[in-house]
């Protein structure tokens, strides 16, 4: 028969030889131990992850904006290109402001990319 020491917080278990091997923060279990309780990411981890996503989206925006800005700078932009650059700039501003959102970093409301409107 299998014997396990299961953590009281539910975050894991370990195989043991018998009840004398359990620690103060564990309980003794024979048979299959319960599934571990998932460890939720910390606020700091969520923030790091959200900023990494933001930075990737900012890089995409920069790649889309460069040629549009070039067209404007050389006075060869179409009206559509001028409007497109403005949409990308607004999007980039919104991305840079995600940390100002009330529920950041737990619940980030990502702005829609101008690519989604086309």
PDB file of N, CA and C in Angstrom:
ATOM      1  N   UNK A   1       0.845  -1.183   0.000  1.00  0.00           N
ATOM      2  CA  UNK A   1       0.000   0.000   0.000  1.00  0.00           C
ATOM      3  C   UNK A   1       0.891   1.247   0.000  1.00  0.00           C
ATOM      4  N   UNK A   2       0.568   2.205  -0.845  1.00  0.00           N
ATOM      5  CA  UNK A   2       1.336   3.443  -0.938  1.00  0.00           C
ATOM      6  C   UNK A   2       1.019   4.347   0.242  1.00  0.00           C
ATOM      7  N   UNK A   3       2.049   5.061   0.682  1.00  0.00           N
ATOM      8  CA  UNK A   3       1.895   5.986   1.808  1.00  0.00           C
ATOM      9  C   UNK A   3       2.452   7.344   1.395  1.00  0.00           C
ATOM     10  N   UNK A   4       1.723   8.389   1.753  1.00  0.00           N
ATOM     11  CA  UNK A   4       2.127   9.723   1.346  1.00  0.00           C
ATOM     12  C   UNK A   4       1.976  10.713   2.487  1.00  0.00           C
ATOM     13  N   UNK A   5       2.841  11.732   2.468  1.00  0.00           N
ATOM     14  CA  UNK A   5       2.701  12.893   3.333  1.00  0.00           C
ATOM     15  C   UNK A   5       2.162  13.998   2.443  1.00  0.00           C
ATOM     16  N   UNK A   6       0.948  14.454   2.735  1.00  0.00           N
ATOM     17  CA  UNK A   6       0.291  15.475   1.919  1.00  0.00           C
ATOM     18  C   UNK A   6       0.381  16.805   2.651  1.00  0.00           C
ATOM     19  N   UNK A   7       0.815  17.835   1.941  1.00  0.00           N
ATOM     20  CA  UNK A   7       0.932  19.158   2.559  1.00  0.00           C
ATOM     21  C   UNK A   7      -0.440  19.680   2.965  1.00  0.00           C
ATOM     22  N   UNK A   8      -0.513  20.301   4.123  1.00  0.00           N
ATOM     23  CA  UNK A   8      -1.785  20.852   4.618  1.00  0.00           C
ATOM     24  C   UNK A   8      -2.341  21.937   3.706  1.00  0.00           C
ATOM     25  N   UNK A   9      -1.452  22.666   3.008  1.00  0.00           N
ATOM     26  CA  UNK A   9      -1.935  23.720   2.107  1.00  0.00           C
ATOM     27  C   UNK A   9      -2.408  23.172   0.771  1.00  0.00           C
ATOM     28  N   UNK A  10      -2.258  21.844   0.581  1.00  0.00           N
ATOM     29  CA  UNK A  10      -2.737  21.215  -0.642  1.00  0.00           C
ATOM     30  C   UNK A  10      -1.842  21.380  -1.849  1.00  0.00           C
ATOM     31  N   UNK A  11      -0.664  21.949  -1.671  1.00  0.00           N
ATOM     32  CA  UNK A  11       0.212  22.244  -2.802  1.00  0.00           C
ATOM     33  C   UNK A  11       1.188  21.118  -3.147  1.00  0.00           C
ATOM     34  N   UNK A  12       0.939  19.922  -2.662  1.00  0.00           N
ATOM     35  CA  UNK A  12       1.807  18.821  -3.061  1.00  0.00           C
ATOM     36  C   UNK A  12       1.839  17.713  -2.029  1.00  0.00           C
ATOM     37  N   UNK A  13       2.589  16.681  -2.340  1.00  0.00           N
ATOM     38  CA  UNK A  13       2.731  15.525  -1.470  1.00  0.00           C
ATOM     39  C   UNK A  13       4.033  14.832  -1.802  1.00  0.00           C
ATOM     40  N   UNK A  14       4.432  13.900  -0.928  1.00  0.00           N
ATOM     41  CA  UNK A  14       5.650  13.127  -1.154  1.00  0.00           C
ATOM     42  C   UNK A  14       5.438  11.718  -0.630  1.00  0.00           C
ATOM     43  N   UNK A  15       6.120  10.762  -1.232  1.00  0.00           N
ATOM     44  CA  UNK A  15       6.049   9.373  -0.778  1.00  0.00           C
ATOM     45  C   UNK A  15       6.857   9.238   0.511  1.00  0.00           C
ATOM     46  N   UNK A  16       6.334   8.465   1.459  1.00  0.00           N
ATOM     47  CA  UNK A  16       7.013   8.253   2.740  1.00  0.00           C
ATOM     48  C   UNK A  16       6.946   6.776   3.120  1.00  0.00           C
ATOM     49  N   UNK A  17       7.723   6.417   4.141  1.00  0.00           N
ATOM     50  CA  UNK A  17       7.725   5.040   4.602  1.00  0.00           C
ATOM     51  C   UNK A  17       6.581   4.711   5.538  1.00  0.00           C
ATOM     52  N   UNK A  18       6.100   5.690   6.266  1.00  0.00           N
ATOM     53  CA  UNK A  18       5.021   5.447   7.216  1.00  0.00           C
ATOM     54  C   UNK A  18       4.625   6.715   7.935  1.00  0.00           C
ATOM     55  N   UNK A  19       3.656   6.629   8.875  1.00  0.00           N
ATOM     56  CA  UNK A  19       3.138   7.813   9.551  1.00  0.00           C
ATOM     57  C   UNK A  19       4.181   8.569  10.359  1.00  0.00           C
ATOM     58  N   UNK A  20       5.249   7.913  10.769  1.00  0.00           N
ATOM     59  CA  UNK A  20       6.284   8.605  11.546  1.00  0.00           C
ATOM     60  C   UNK A  20       7.098   9.576  10.695  1.00  0.00           C
ATOM     61  N   UNK A  21       6.959   9.503   9.362  1.00  0.00           N
ATOM     62  CA  UNK A  21       7.741  10.346   8.459  1.00  0.00           C
ATOM     63  C   UNK A  21       7.062  11.667   8.099  1.00  0.00           C
ATOM     64  N   UNK A  22       5.868  11.921   8.604  1.00  0.00           N
ATOM     65  CA  UNK A  22       5.188  13.165   8.230  1.00  0.00           C
ATOM     66  C   UNK A  22       5.697  14.329   9.075  1.00  0.00           C
ATOM     67  N   UNK A  23       5.681  15.514   8.502  1.00  0.00           N
ATOM     68  CA  UNK A  23       6.091  16.740   9.185  1.00  0.00           C
ATOM     69  C   UNK A  23       4.858  17.421   9.774  1.00  0.00           C
ATOM     70  N   UNK A  24       5.100  18.471  10.551  1.00  0.00           N
ATOM     71  CA  UNK A  24       4.003  19.173  11.233  1.00  0.00           C
ATOM     72  C   UNK A  24       3.007  19.789  10.261  1.00  0.00           C
ATOM     73  N   UNK A  25       3.471  20.152   9.070  1.00  0.00           N
ATOM     74  CA  UNK A  25       2.578  20.802   8.097  1.00  0.00           C
ATOM     75  C   UNK A  25       2.035  19.804   7.073  1.00  0.00           C
ATOM     76  N   UNK A  26       1.996  18.525   7.426  1.00  0.00           N
ATOM     77  CA  UNK A  26       1.519  17.484   6.521  1.00  0.00           C
ATOM     78  C   UNK A  26       0.526  16.564   7.227  1.00  0.00           C
ATOM     79  N   UNK A  27      -0.193  15.800   6.410  1.00  0.00           N
ATOM     80  CA  UNK A  27      -1.060  14.758   6.959  1.00  0.00           C
ATOM     81  C   UNK A  27      -0.788  13.461   6.220  1.00  0.00           C
ATOM     82  N   UNK A  28      -1.092  12.369   6.880  1.00  0.00           N
ATOM     83  CA  UNK A  28      -0.781  11.026   6.383  1.00  0.00           C
ATOM     84  C   UNK A  28      -1.888  10.536   5.473  1.00  0.00           C
ATOM     85  N   UNK A  29      -1.495   9.905   4.369  1.00  0.00           N
ATOM     86  CA  UNK A  29      -2.466   9.420   3.389  1.00  0.00           C
ATOM     87  C   UNK A  29      -2.008   8.075   2.857  1.00  0.00           C
ATOM     88  N   UNK A  30      -2.940   7.136   2.789  1.00  0.00           N
ATOM     89  CA  UNK A  30      -2.663   5.865   2.121  1.00  0.00           C
ATOM     90  C   UNK A  30      -3.480   5.833   0.840  1.00  0.00           C
ATOM     91  N   UNK A  31      -2.994   5.140  -0.141  1.00  0.00           N
ATOM     92  CA  UNK A  31      -3.681   5.145  -1.425  1.00  0.00           C
ATOM     93  C   UNK A  31      -3.264   6.370  -2.225  1.00  0.00           C
ATOM     94  N   UNK A  32      -4.079   6.710  -3.201  1.00  0.00           N
ATOM     95  CA  UNK A  32      -3.748   7.865  -4.041  1.00  0.00           C
ATOM     96  C   UNK A  32      -3.952   9.170  -3.286  1.00  0.00           C
ATOM     97  N   UNK A  33      -2.934  10.051  -3.286  1.00  0.00           N
ATOM     98  CA  UNK A  33      -3.112  11.359  -2.649  1.00  0.00           C
ATOM     99  C   UNK A  33      -3.997  12.245  -3.524  1.00  0.00           C
ATOM    100  N   UNK A  34      -4.583  13.282  -2.937  1.00  0.00           N
ATOM    101  CA  UNK A  34      -5.426  14.182  -3.741  1.00  0.00           C
ATOM    102  C   UNK A  34      -4.580  14.972  -4.738  1.00  0.00           C
ATOM    103  N   UNK A  35      -5.243  15.423  -5.792  1.00  0.00           N
ATOM    104  CA  UNK A  35      -4.559  16.282  -6.753  1.00  0.00           C
ATOM    105  C   UNK A  35      -4.113  17.557  -6.047  1.00  0.00           C
ATOM    106  N   UNK A  36      -2.905  18.037  -6.362  1.00  0.00           N
ATOM    107  CA  UNK A  36      -2.437  19.274  -5.731  1.00  0.00           C
ATOM    108  C   UNK A  36      -3.308  20.472  -6.120  1.00  0.00           C
ATOM    109  N   UNK A  37      -3.417  21.386  -5.203  1.00  0.00           N
ATOM    110  CA  UNK A  37      -4.112  22.645  -5.452  1.00  0.00           C
ATOM    111  C   UNK A  37      -3.167  23.509  -6.290  1.00  0.00           C
ATOM    112  N   UNK A  38      -3.631  24.055  -7.407  1.00  0.00           N
ATOM    113  CA  UNK A  38      -2.734  24.879  -8.225  1.00  0.00           C
ATOM    114  C   UNK A  38      -2.265  26.111  -7.456  1.00  0.00           C
ATOM    115  N   UNK A  39      -1.011  26.445  -7.646  1.00  0.00           N
ATOM    116  CA  UNK A  39      -0.448  27.645  -7.038  1.00  0.00           C
ATOM    117  C   UNK A  39      -0.707  28.797  -7.999  1.00  0.00           C
ATOM    118  N   UNK A  40      -1.431  29.788  -7.536  1.00  0.00           N
ATOM    119  CA  UNK A  40      -1.734  30.941  -8.376  1.00  0.00           C
ATOM    120  C   UNK A  40      -0.518  31.849  -8.470  1.00  0.00           C
ATOM    121  N   UNK A  41      -0.304  32.461  -9.625  1.00  0.00           N
ATOM    122  CA  UNK A  41       0.841  33.359  -9.755  1.00  0.00           C
ATOM    123  C   UNK A  41       0.672  34.586  -8.867  1.00  0.00           C
ATOM    124  N   UNK A  42       1.794  35.110  -8.407  1.00  0.00           N
ATOM    125  CA  UNK A  42       1.771  36.311  -7.577  1.00  0.00           C
ATOM    126  C   UNK A  42       1.457  37.533  -8.442  1.00  0.00           C
ATOM    127  N   UNK A  43       1.138  38.624  -7.787  1.00  0.00           N
ATOM    128  CA  UNK A  43       0.871  39.873  -8.495  1.00  0.00           C
ATOM    129  C   UNK A  43       2.107  40.301  -9.288  1.00  0.00           C
ATOM    130  N   UNK A  44       3.273  40.095  -8.692  1.00  0.00           N
ATOM    131  CA  UNK A  44       4.516  40.455  -9.384  1.00  0.00           C
ATOM    132  C   UNK A  44       4.700  39.607 -10.637  1.00  0.00           C
ATOM    133  N   UNK A  45       4.433  38.301 -10.538  1.00  0.00           N
ATOM    134  CA  UNK A  45       4.554  37.426 -11.704  1.00  0.00           C
ATOM    135  C   UNK A  45       3.562  37.819 -12.792  1.00  0.00           C
ATOM    136  N   UNK A  46       2.330  38.145 -12.393  1.00  0.00           N
ATOM    137  CA  UNK A  46       1.331  38.593 -13.370  1.00  0.00           C
ATOM    138  C   UNK A  46       1.773  39.878 -14.050  1.00  0.00           C
ATOM    139  N   UNK A  47       2.356  40.777 -13.269  1.00  0.00           N
ATOM    140  CA  UNK A  47       2.826  42.046 -13.812  1.00  0.00           C
ATOM    141  C   UNK A  47       3.949  41.823 -14.824  1.00  0.00           C
ATOM    142  N   UNK A  48       4.901  40.973 -14.481  1.00  0.00           N
ATOM    143  CA  UNK A  48       6.010  40.666 -15.394  1.00  0.00           C
ATOM    144  C   UNK A  48       5.479  40.059 -16.691  1.00  0.00           C
ATOM    145  N   UNK A  49       4.530  39.128 -16.572  1.00  0.00           N
ATOM    146  CA  UNK A  49       3.955  38.481 -17.756  1.00  0.00           C
ATOM    147  C   UNK A  49       3.205  39.486 -18.633  1.00  0.00           C
ATOM    148  N   UNK A  50       2.406  40.348 -17.997  1.00  0.00           N
ATOM    149  CA  UNK A  50       1.638  41.344 -18.756  1.00  0.00           C
ATOM    150  C   UNK A  50       2.568  42.317 -19.471  1.00  0.00           C
ATOM    151  N   UNK A  51       3.628  42.725 -18.800  1.00  0.00           N
ATOM    152  CA  UNK A  51       4.576  43.650 -19.428  1.00  0.00           C
ATOM    153  C   UNK A  51       5.310  42.986 -20.590  1.00  0.00           C
ATOM    154  N   UNK A  52       5.579  41.698 -20.489  1.00  0.00           N
ATOM    155  CA  UNK A  52       6.225  40.980 -21.589  1.00  0.00           C
ATOM    156  C   UNK A  52       5.299  40.927 -22.805  1.00  0.00           C
ATOM    157  N   UNK A  53       4.007  40.664 -22.570  1.00  0.00           N
ATOM    158  CA  UNK A  53       3.032  40.669 -23.670  1.00  0.00           C
ATOM    159  C   UNK A  53       2.954  42.067 -24.274  1.00  0.00           C
ATOM    160  N   UNK A  54       2.871  43.070 -23.402  1.00  0.00           N
ATOM    161  CA  UNK A  54       2.809  44.453 -23.881  1.00  0.00           C
ATOM    162  C   UNK A  54       4.005  44.781 -24.759  1.00  0.00           C
ATOM    163  N   UNK A  55       5.191  44.392 -24.313  1.00  0.00           N
ATOM    164  CA  UNK A  55       6.401  44.711 -25.075  1.00  0.00           C
ATOM    165  C   UNK A  55       6.406  44.039 -26.445  1.00  0.00           C
ATOM    166  N   UNK A  56       5.891  42.821 -26.518  1.00  0.00           N
ATOM    167  CA  UNK A  56       5.790  42.147 -27.823  1.00  0.00           C
ATOM    168  C   UNK A  56       4.813  42.884 -28.729  1.00  0.00           C
ATOM    169  N   UNK A  57       3.691  43.315 -28.159  1.00  0.00           N
ATOM    170  CA  UNK A  57       2.699  44.047 -28.946  1.00  0.00           C
ATOM    171  C   UNK A  57       3.239  45.411 -29.384  1.00  0.00           C
ATOM    172  N   UNK A  58       4.041  46.049 -28.528  1.00  0.00           N
ATOM    173  CA  UNK A  58       4.655  47.325 -28.899  1.00  0.00           C
ATOM    174  C   UNK A  58       5.640  47.140 -30.059  1.00  0.00           C
ATOM    175  N   UNK A  59       6.356  46.029 -30.061  1.00  0.00           N
ATOM    176  CA  UNK A  59       7.290  45.757 -31.158  1.00  0.00           C
ATOM    177  C   UNK A  59       6.540  45.561 -32.475  1.00  0.00           C
ATOM    178  N   UNK A  60       5.417  44.869 -32.408  1.00  0.00           N
ATOM    179  CA  UNK A  60       4.592  44.694 -33.613  1.00  0.00           C
ATOM    180  C   UNK A  60       4.099  46.047 -34.098  1.00  0.00           C
ATOM    181  N   UNK A  61       3.641  46.869 -33.158  1.00  0.00           N
ATOM    182  CA  UNK A  61       3.140  48.202 -33.526  1.00  0.00           C
ATOM    183  C   UNK A  61       4.242  49.028 -34.183  1.00  0.00           C
ATOM    184  N   UNK A  62       5.436  48.971 -33.635  1.00  0.00           N
ATOM    185  CA  UNK A  62       6.550  49.736 -34.207  1.00  0.00           C
ATOM    186  C   UNK A  62       6.843  49.286 -35.639  1.00  0.00           C
ATOM    187  N   UNK A  63       6.771  47.986 -35.872  1.00  0.00           N
ATOM    188  CA  UNK A  63       7.008  47.470 -37.229  1.00  0.00           C
ATOM    189  C   UNK A  63       5.941  47.923 -38.206  1.00  0.00           C
ATOM    190  N   UNK A  64       4.712  48.041 -37.742  1.00  0.00           N
ATOM    191  CA  UNK A  64       3.619  48.500 -38.619  1.00  0.00           C
ATOM    192  C   UNK A  64       3.715  50.019 -38.850  1.00  0.00           C
ATOM    193  N   UNK A  65       4.155  50.735 -37.805  1.00  0.00           N
ATOM    194  CA  UNK A  65       4.170  52.192 -37.878  1.00  0.00           C
ATOM    195  C   UNK A  65       5.314  52.742 -38.714  1.00  0.00           C
ATOM    196  N   UNK A  66       6.446  52.058 -38.721  1.00  0.00           N
ATOM    197  CA  UNK A  66       7.628  52.568 -39.426  1.00  0.00           C
ATOM    198  C   UNK A  66       7.377  52.935 -40.876  1.00  0.00           C
ATOM    199  N   UNK A  67       6.874  52.008 -41.687  1.00  0.00           N
ATOM    200  CA  UNK A  67       6.630  52.343 -43.094  1.00  0.00           C
ATOM    201  C   UNK A  67       5.577  53.446 -43.275  1.00  0.00           C
ATOM    202  N   UNK A  68       4.597  53.475 -42.388  1.00  0.00           N
ATOM    203  CA  UNK A  68       3.575  54.529 -42.488  1.00  0.00           C
ATOM    204  C   UNK A  68       4.189  55.894 -42.193  1.00  0.00           C
ATOM    205  N   UNK A  69       5.049  55.934 -41.164  1.00  0.00           N
ATOM    206  CA  UNK A  69       5.719  57.193 -40.838  1.00  0.00           C
ATOM    207  C   UNK A  69       6.661  57.609 -41.965  1.00  0.00           C
ATOM    208  N   UNK A  70       7.318  56.626 -42.587  1.00  0.00           N
ATOM    209  CA  UNK A  70       8.191  56.925 -43.724  1.00  0.00           C
ATOM    210  C   UNK A  70       7.405  57.577 -44.864  1.00  0.00           C
ATOM    211  N   UNK A  71       6.230  57.054 -45.130  1.00  0.00           N
ATOM    212  CA  UNK A  71       5.398  57.613 -46.202  1.00  0.00           C
ATOM    213  C   UNK A  71       5.006  59.056 -45.881  1.00  0.00           C
ATOM    214  N   UNK A  72       4.700  59.308 -44.619  1.00  0.00           N
ATOM    215  CA  UNK A  72       4.331  60.672 -44.217  1.00  0.00           C
ATOM    216  C   UNK A  72       5.549  61.587 -44.306  1.00  0.00           C
ATOM    217  N   UNK A  73       6.684  61.121 -43.799  1.00  0.00           N
ATOM    218  CA  UNK A  73       7.906  61.939 -43.808  1.00  0.00           C
ATOM    219  C   UNK A  73       8.353  62.305 -45.210  1.00  0.00           C
ATOM    220  N   UNK A  74       8.089  61.442 -46.172  1.00  0.00           N
ATOM    221  CA  UNK A  74       8.496  61.712 -47.558  1.00  0.00           C
ATOM    222  C   UNK A  74       7.374  62.361 -48.366  1.00  0.00           C
ATOM    223  N   UNK A  75       6.308  62.736 -47.657  1.00  0.00           N
ATOM    224  CA  UNK A  75       5.167  63.395 -48.269  1.00  0.00           C
ATOM    225  C   UNK A  75       4.556  62.571 -49.400  1.00  0.00           C
ATOM    226  N   UNK A  76       4.589  61.253 -49.227  1.00  0.00           N
ATOM    227  CA  UNK A  76       4.000  60.373 -50.235  1.00  0.00           C
ATOM    228  C   UNK A  76       2.900  59.489 -49.639  1.00  0.00           C
ATOM    229  N   UNK A  77       2.431  59.855 -48.461  1.00  0.00           N
ATOM    230  CA  UNK A  77       1.412  59.044 -47.780  1.00  0.00           C
ATOM    231  C   UNK A  77       0.030  59.287 -48.369  1.00  0.00           C
ATOM    232  N   UNK A  78      -0.728  58.221 -48.454  1.00  0.00           N
ATOM    233  CA  UNK A  78      -2.125  58.344 -48.849  1.00  0.00           C
ATOM    234  C   UNK A  78      -2.934  58.735 -47.611  1.00  0.00           C
ATOM    235  N   UNK A  79      -4.153  59.146 -47.831  1.00  0.00           N
ATOM    236  CA  UNK A  79      -5.042  59.490 -46.720  1.00  0.00           C
ATOM    237  C   UNK A  79      -5.253  58.279 -45.805  1.00  0.00           C
ATOM    238  N   UNK A  80      -5.364  57.124 -46.414  1.00  0.00           N
ATOM    239  CA  UNK A  80      -5.545  55.882 -45.649  1.00  0.00           C
ATOM    240  C   UNK A  80      -4.327  55.596 -44.769  1.00  0.00           C
ATOM    241  N   UNK A  81      -3.128  55.851 -45.300  1.00  0.00           N
ATOM    242  CA  UNK A  81      -1.906  55.618 -44.522  1.00  0.00           C
ATOM    243  C   UNK A  81      -1.812  56.587 -43.341  1.00  0.00           C
ATOM    244  N   UNK A  82      -2.221  57.817 -43.547  1.00  0.00           N
ATOM    245  CA  UNK A  82      -2.213  58.809 -42.463  1.00  0.00           C
ATOM    246  C   UNK A  82      -3.167  58.362 -41.360  1.00  0.00           C
ATOM    247  N   UNK A  83      -4.356  57.923 -41.726  1.00  0.00           N
ATOM    248  CA  UNK A  83      -5.338  57.441 -40.739  1.00  0.00           C
ATOM    249  C   UNK A  83      -4.853  56.170 -40.041  1.00  0.00           C
ATOM    250  N   UNK A  84      -4.218  55.304 -40.785  1.00  0.00           N
ATOM    251  CA  UNK A  84      -3.702  54.065 -40.217  1.00  0.00           C
ATOM    252  C   UNK A  84      -2.621  54.363 -39.178  1.00  0.00           C
ATOM    253  N   UNK A  85      -1.727  55.291 -39.479  1.00  0.00           N
ATOM    254  CA  UNK A  85      -0.689  55.648 -38.515  1.00  0.00           C
ATOM    255  C   UNK A  85      -1.299  56.214 -37.245  1.00  0.00           C
ATOM    256  N   UNK A  86      -2.319  57.027 -37.391  1.00  0.00           N
ATOM    257  CA  UNK A  86      -2.994  57.588 -36.220  1.00  0.00           C
ATOM    258  C   UNK A  86      -3.604  56.479 -35.360  1.00  0.00           C
ATOM    259  N   UNK A  87      -4.222  55.473 -35.987  1.00  0.00           N
ATOM    260  CA  UNK A  87      -4.785  54.342 -35.229  1.00  0.00           C
ATOM    261  C   UNK A  87      -3.685  53.582 -34.486  1.00  0.00           C
ATOM    262  N   UNK A  88      -2.560  53.371 -35.154  1.00  0.00           N
ATOM    263  CA  UNK A  88      -1.446  52.664 -34.519  1.00  0.00           C
ATOM    264  C   UNK A  88      -0.877  53.469 -33.350  1.00  0.00           C
ATOM    265  N   UNK A  89      -0.806  54.762 -33.490  1.00  0.00           N
ATOM    266  CA  UNK A  89      -0.308  55.600 -32.392  1.00  0.00           C
ATOM    267  C   UNK A  89      -1.247  55.530 -31.186  1.00  0.00           C
ATOM    268  N   UNK A  90      -2.534  55.582 -31.435  1.00  0.00           N
ATOM    269  CA  UNK A  90      -3.499  55.477 -30.327  1.00  0.00           C
ATOM    270  C   UNK A  90      -3.390  54.110 -29.648  1.00  0.00           C
ATOM    271  N   UNK A  91      -3.203  53.087 -30.449  1.00  0.00           N
ATOM    272  CA  UNK A  91      -3.041  51.734 -29.918  1.00  0.00           C
ATOM    273  C   UNK A  91      -1.788  51.654 -29.047  1.00  0.00           C
ATOM    274  N   UNK A  92      -0.692  52.216 -29.532  1.00  0.00           N
ATOM    275  CA  UNK A  92       0.557  52.187 -28.778  1.00  0.00           C
ATOM    276  C   UNK A  92       0.426  52.947 -27.458  1.00  0.00           C
ATOM    277  N   UNK A  93      -0.277  54.058 -27.473  1.00  0.00           N
ATOM    278  CA  UNK A  93      -0.529  54.808 -26.232  1.00  0.00           C
ATOM    279  C   UNK A  93      -1.316  53.947 -25.256  1.00  0.00           C
ATOM    280  N   UNK A  94      -2.355  53.286 -25.753  1.00  0.00           N
ATOM    281  CA  UNK A  94      -3.176  52.427 -24.888  1.00  0.00           C
ATOM    282  C   UNK A  94      -2.344  51.279 -24.305  1.00  0.00           C
ATOM    283  N   UNK A  95      -1.456  50.696 -25.102  1.00  0.00           N
ATOM    284  CA  UNK A  95      -0.584  49.634 -24.592  1.00  0.00           C
ATOM    285  C   UNK A  95       0.314  50.155 -23.480  1.00  0.00           C
ATOM    286  N   UNK A  96       0.839  51.344 -23.664  1.00  0.00           N
ATOM    287  CA  UNK A  96       1.726  51.916 -22.653  1.00  0.00           C
ATOM    288  C   UNK A  96       1.000  52.263 -21.362  1.00  0.00           C
ATOM    289  N   UNK A  97      -0.304  52.319 -21.401  1.00  0.00           N
ATOM    290  CA  UNK A  97      -1.083  52.690 -20.217  1.00  0.00           C
ATOM    291  C   UNK A  97      -1.727  51.506 -19.497  1.00  0.00           C
ATOM    292  N   UNK A  98      -1.379  50.282 -19.859  1.00  0.00           N
ATOM    293  CA  UNK A  98      -2.035  49.136 -19.211  1.00  0.00           C
ATOM    294  C   UNK A  98      -1.790  49.117 -17.711  1.00  0.00           C
ATOM    295  N   UNK A  99      -0.639  49.595 -17.265  1.00  0.00           N
ATOM    296  CA  UNK A  99      -0.336  49.596 -15.832  1.00  0.00           C
ATOM    297  C   UNK A  99      -1.214  50.578 -15.059  1.00  0.00           C
ATOM    298  N   UNK A 100      -1.849  51.497 -15.750  1.00  0.00           N
ATOM    299  CA  UNK A 100      -2.728  52.476 -15.108  1.00  0.00           C
ATOM    300  C   UNK A 100      -4.136  51.917 -14.895  1.00  0.00           C
ATOM    301  N   UNK A 101      -4.418  50.757 -15.457  1.00  0.00           N
ATOM    302  CA  UNK A 101      -5.745  50.161 -15.316  1.00  0.00           C
ATOM    303  C   UNK A 101      -5.978  49.744 -13.865  1.00  0.00           C
ATOM    304  N   UNK A 102      -7.190  49.922 -13.414  1.00  0.00           N
ATOM    305  CA  UNK A 102      -7.549  49.642 -12.020  1.00  0.00           C
ATOM    306  C   UNK A 102      -7.256  48.198 -11.607  1.00  0.00           C
ATOM    307  N   UNK A 103      -7.493  47.249 -12.499  1.00  0.00           N
ATOM    308  CA  UNK A 103      -7.336  45.835 -12.144  1.00  0.00           C
ATOM    309  C   UNK A 103      -5.988  45.251 -12.564  1.00  0.00           C
ATOM    310  N   UNK A 104      -5.074  46.075 -13.064  1.00  0.00           N
ATOM    311  CA  UNK A 104      -3.742  45.603 -13.435  1.00  0.00           C
ATOM    312  C   UNK A 104      -3.031  45.093 -12.195  1.00  0.00           C
ATOM    313  N   UNK A 105      -2.334  43.992 -12.239  1.00  0.00           N
ATOM    314  CA  UNK A 105      -2.071  43.099 -13.356  1.00  0.00           C
ATOM    315  C   UNK A 105      -2.997  41.879 -13.402  1.00  0.00           C
ATOM    316  N   UNK A 106      -3.969  41.844 -12.499  1.00  0.00           N
ATOM    317  CA  UNK A 106      -4.836  40.658 -12.406  1.00  0.00           C
ATOM    318  C   UNK A 106      -5.743  40.524 -13.615  1.00  0.00           C
ATOM    319  N   UNK A 107      -6.307  41.619 -14.063  1.00  0.00           N
ATOM    320  CA  UNK A 107      -7.255  41.584 -15.178  1.00  0.00           C
ATOM    321  C   UNK A 107      -6.946  42.742 -16.123  1.00  0.00           C
ATOM    322  N   UNK A 108      -6.144  42.471 -17.122  1.00  0.00           N
ATOM    323  CA  UNK A 108      -5.724  43.504 -18.077  1.00  0.00           C
ATOM    324  C   UNK A 108      -6.721  43.557 -19.226  1.00  0.00           C
ATOM    325  N   UNK A 109      -7.192  44.745 -19.532  1.00  0.00           N
ATOM    326  CA  UNK A 109      -8.056  44.953 -20.693  1.00  0.00           C
ATOM    327  C   UNK A 109      -7.154  45.401 -21.847  1.00  0.00           C
ATOM    328  N   UNK A 110      -6.852  44.454 -22.735  1.00  0.00           N
ATOM    329  CA  UNK A 110      -5.940  44.738 -23.833  1.00  0.00           C
ATOM    330  C   UNK A 110      -6.658  45.532 -24.918  1.00  0.00           C
ATOM    331  N   UNK A 111      -6.019  46.599 -25.419  1.00  0.00           N
ATOM    332  CA  UNK A 111      -6.632  47.346 -26.521  1.00  0.00           C
ATOM    333  C   UNK A 111      -6.626  46.503 -27.783  1.00  0.00           C
ATOM    334  N   UNK A 112      -7.569  46.787 -28.662  1.00  0.00           N
ATOM    335  CA  UNK A 112      -7.644  46.065 -29.938  1.00  0.00           C
ATOM    336  C   UNK A 112      -6.627  46.636 -30.906  1.00  0.00           C
ATOM    337  N   UNK A 113      -5.901  45.751 -31.538  1.00  0.00           N
ATOM    338  CA  UNK A 113      -4.915  46.151 -32.535  1.00  0.00           C
ATOM    339  C   UNK A 113      -5.622  46.707 -33.765  1.00  0.00           C
ATOM    340  N   UNK A 114      -5.041  47.708 -34.413  1.00  0.00           N
ATOM    341  CA  UNK A 114      -5.623  48.191 -35.658  1.00  0.00           C
ATOM    342  C   UNK A 114      -5.747  47.095 -36.711  1.00  0.00           C
ATOM    343  N   UNK A 115      -4.918  46.055 -36.631  1.00  0.00           N
ATOM    344  CA  UNK A 115      -5.034  44.930 -37.558  1.00  0.00           C
ATOM    345  C   UNK A 115      -6.383  44.219 -37.408  1.00  0.00           C
ATOM    346  N   UNK A 116      -6.976  44.288 -36.224  1.00  0.00           N
ATOM    347  CA  UNK A 116      -8.250  43.631 -35.972  1.00  0.00           C
ATOM    348  C   UNK A 116      -9.425  44.364 -36.606  1.00  0.00           C
ATOM    349  N   UNK A 117      -9.222  45.594 -36.971  1.00  0.00           N
ATOM    350  CA  UNK A 117     -10.294  46.397 -37.563  1.00  0.00           C
ATOM    351  C   UNK A 117     -10.347  46.272 -39.079  1.00  0.00           C
ATOM    352  N   UNK A 118      -9.322  45.698 -39.661  1.00  0.00           N
ATOM    353  CA  UNK A 118      -9.232  45.660 -41.123  1.00  0.00           C
ATOM    354  C   UNK A 118      -9.841  44.418 -41.679  1.00  0.00           C
TER     355      UNK A 118
END
